[in-house]
C-alpha atoms as a PDB file:
ATOM      1  CA  UNK A   1      -8.874  39.015  13.097  1.00  0.00           C
ATOM      2  CA  UNK A   2     -10.372  36.875  15.851  1.00  0.00           C
ATOM      3  CA  UNK A   3     -10.241  36.516  19.624  1.00  0.00           C
ATOM      4  CA  UNK A   4     -11.389  33.567  21.733  1.00  0.00           C
ATOM      5  CA  UNK A   5     -12.420  34.246  25.328  1.00  0.00           C
ATOM      6  CA  UNK A   6     -12.544  31.086  27.454  1.00  0.00           C
ATOM      7  CA  UNK A   7     -14.029  30.674  30.931  1.00  0.00           C
ATOM      8  CA  UNK A   8     -12.960  27.893  33.355  1.00  0.00           C
ATOM      9  CA  UNK A   9     -16.534  26.526  33.172  1.00  0.00           C
ATOM     10  CA  UNK A  10     -15.959  25.584  29.525  1.00  0.00           C
ATOM     11  CA  UNK A  11     -18.037  28.423  28.105  1.00  0.00           C
ATOM     12  CA  UNK A  12     -16.320  30.520  25.451  1.00  0.00           C
ATOM     13  CA  UNK A  13     -17.028  33.445  23.176  1.00  0.00           C
ATOM     14  CA  UNK A  14     -15.362  34.107  19.853  1.00  0.00           C
ATOM     15  CA  UNK A  15     -15.174  37.621  18.470  1.00  0.00           C
ATOM     16  CA  UNK A  16     -14.411  37.657  14.753  1.00  0.00           C
ATOM     17  CA  UNK A  17     -14.022  40.481  12.268  1.00  0.00           C
ATOM     18  CA  UNK A  18     -15.669  39.009   9.179  1.00  0.00           C
ATOM     19  CA  UNK A  19     -16.243  42.277   7.388  1.00  0.00           C
ATOM     20  CA  UNK A  20     -13.052  42.787   5.398  1.00  0.00           C
ATOM     21  CA  UNK A  21     -15.079  42.205   2.214  1.00  0.00           C
ATOM     22  CA  UNK A  22     -17.946  44.461   3.319  1.00  0.00           C
ATOM     23  CA  UNK A  23     -18.411  48.142   2.628  1.00  0.00           C
ATOM     24  CA  UNK A  24     -19.131  51.032   4.993  1.00  0.00           C
ATOM     25  CA  UNK A  25     -20.377  50.477   8.534  1.00  0.00           C
ATOM     26  CA  UNK A  26     -20.791  46.721   7.991  1.00  0.00           C
ATOM     27  CA  UNK A  27     -16.985  46.524   7.778  1.00  0.00           C
ATOM     28  CA  UNK A  28     -16.750  47.944  11.325  1.00  0.00           C
ATOM     29  CA  UNK A  29     -18.578  45.080  13.121  1.00  0.00           C
ATOM     30  CA  UNK A  30     -17.441  42.050  15.119  1.00  0.00           C
ATOM     31  CA  UNK A  31     -19.428  38.812  15.055  1.00  0.00           C
ATOM     32  CA  UNK A  32     -19.796  37.246  18.519  1.00  0.00           C
ATOM     33  CA  UNK A  33     -20.580  33.518  18.873  1.00  0.00           C
ATOM     34  CA  UNK A  34     -20.801  31.158  21.814  1.00  0.00           C
ATOM     35  CA  UNK A  35     -18.632  28.032  21.802  1.00  0.00           C
ATOM     36  CA  UNK A  36     -19.948  24.501  22.300  1.00  0.00           C
ATOM     37  CA  UNK A  37     -18.467  21.017  22.732  1.00  0.00           C
ATOM     38  CA  UNK A  38     -17.417  19.709  19.308  1.00  0.00           C
ATOM     39  CA  UNK A  39     -19.827  16.749  19.389  1.00  0.00           C
ATOM     40  CA  UNK A  40     -22.868  18.940  20.165  1.00  0.00           C
ATOM     41  CA  UNK A  41     -25.240  19.230  17.209  1.00  0.00           C
ATOM     42  CA  UNK A  42     -28.289  20.791  18.870  1.00  0.00           C
ATOM     43  CA  UNK A  43     -29.729  24.296  18.836  1.00  0.00           C
ATOM     44  CA  UNK A  44     -27.177  27.069  19.327  1.00  0.00           C
ATOM     45  CA  UNK A  45     -27.575  30.656  20.405  1.00  0.00           C
ATOM     46  CA  UNK A  46     -27.870  33.027  17.458  1.00  0.00           C
ATOM     47  CA  UNK A  47     -24.617  34.962  16.853  1.00  0.00           C
ATOM     48  CA  UNK A  48     -24.719  38.730  17.160  1.00  0.00           C
ATOM     49  CA  UNK A  49     -22.627  41.677  16.019  1.00  0.00           C
ATOM     50  CA  UNK A  50     -21.171  44.626  17.907  1.00  0.00           C
ATOM     51  CA  UNK A  51     -19.503  47.759  16.591  1.00  0.00           C
ATOM     52  CA  UNK A  52     -15.704  47.688  16.532  1.00  0.00           C
ATOM     53  CA  UNK A  53     -15.593  51.371  17.419  1.00  0.00           C
ATOM     54  CA  UNK A  54     -17.797  51.119  20.532  1.00  0.00           C
ATOM     55  CA  UNK A  55     -16.185  51.021  23.960  1.00  0.00           C
ATOM     56  CA  UNK A  56     -15.300  47.736  25.635  1.00  0.00           C
ATOM     57  CA  UNK A  57     -17.944  48.484  28.273  1.00  0.00           C
ATOM     58  CA  UNK A  58     -20.607  48.967  25.601  1.00  0.00           C
ATOM     59  CA  UNK A  59     -19.598  45.736  23.836  1.00  0.00           C
ATOM     60  CA  UNK A  60     -19.749  43.822  27.136  1.00  0.00           C
ATOM     61  CA  UNK A  61     -23.194  45.219  27.993  1.00  0.00           C
ATOM     62  CA  UNK A  62     -24.564  44.282  24.577  1.00  0.00           C
ATOM     63  CA  UNK A  63     -23.160  40.738  24.813  1.00  0.00           C
ATOM     64  CA  UNK A  64     -24.524  40.271  28.340  1.00  0.00           C
ATOM     65  CA  UNK A  65     -27.964  41.535  27.353  1.00  0.00           C
ATOM     66  CA  UNK A  66     -28.352  40.058  23.872  1.00  0.00           C
ATOM     67  CA  UNK A  67     -26.278  36.862  23.697  1.00  0.00           C
ATOM     68  CA  UNK A  68     -25.559  35.444  27.148  1.00  0.00           C
ATOM     69  CA  UNK A  69     -29.124  34.488  28.195  1.00  0.00           C
ATOM     70  CA  UNK A  70     -29.681  32.188  25.213  1.00  0.00           C
ATOM     71  CA  UNK A  71     -26.051  31.037  25.136  1.00  0.00           C
ATOM     72  CA  UNK A  72     -26.144  29.979  28.788  1.00  0.00           C
ATOM     73  CA  UNK A  73     -29.342  27.954  28.230  1.00  0.00           C
ATOM     74  CA  UNK A  74     -28.016  26.185  25.149  1.00  0.00           C
ATOM     75  CA  UNK A  75     -24.586  25.599  26.692  1.00  0.00           C
ATOM     76  CA  UNK A  76     -26.186  23.863  29.684  1.00  0.00           C
ATOM     77  CA  UNK A  77     -28.135  21.646  27.260  1.00  0.00           C
ATOM     78  CA  UNK A  78     -24.912  20.872  25.370  1.00  0.00           C
ATOM     79  CA  UNK A  79     -23.037  19.948  28.556  1.00  0.00           C
ATOM     80  CA  UNK A  80     -25.945  17.769  29.755  1.00  0.00           C
ATOM     81  CA  UNK A  81     -25.936  15.913  26.429  1.00  0.00           C
ATOM     82  CA  UNK A  82     -22.150  15.553  26.590  1.00  0.00           C
ATOM     83  CA  UNK A  83     -22.344  14.037  30.086  1.00  0.00           C
ATOM     84  CA  UNK A  84     -25.006  11.523  28.996  1.00  0.00           C
ATOM     85  CA  UNK A  85     -22.845  10.340  26.115  1.00  0.00           C
ATOM     86  CA  UNK A  86     -19.770   9.802  28.303  1.00  0.00           C
END
């Protein structure tokens, strides 16, 4: 199962359930990754996991606190590199 959330700015987040082969609580996690332009090969924000069973509000707070700061910085770098190449 996966969901892609896209913003008009070009930023995106993918939420993927990768745990179908895992046991116990590890099976109840979603992996969250930031999306980048396909030609970008620089540093990327580290993916994170959130509990499937937590509320949407809790998931959003965790993503905002733990992933977005580094994702925003690296996405800006990716877009800057993309603009230089074009």
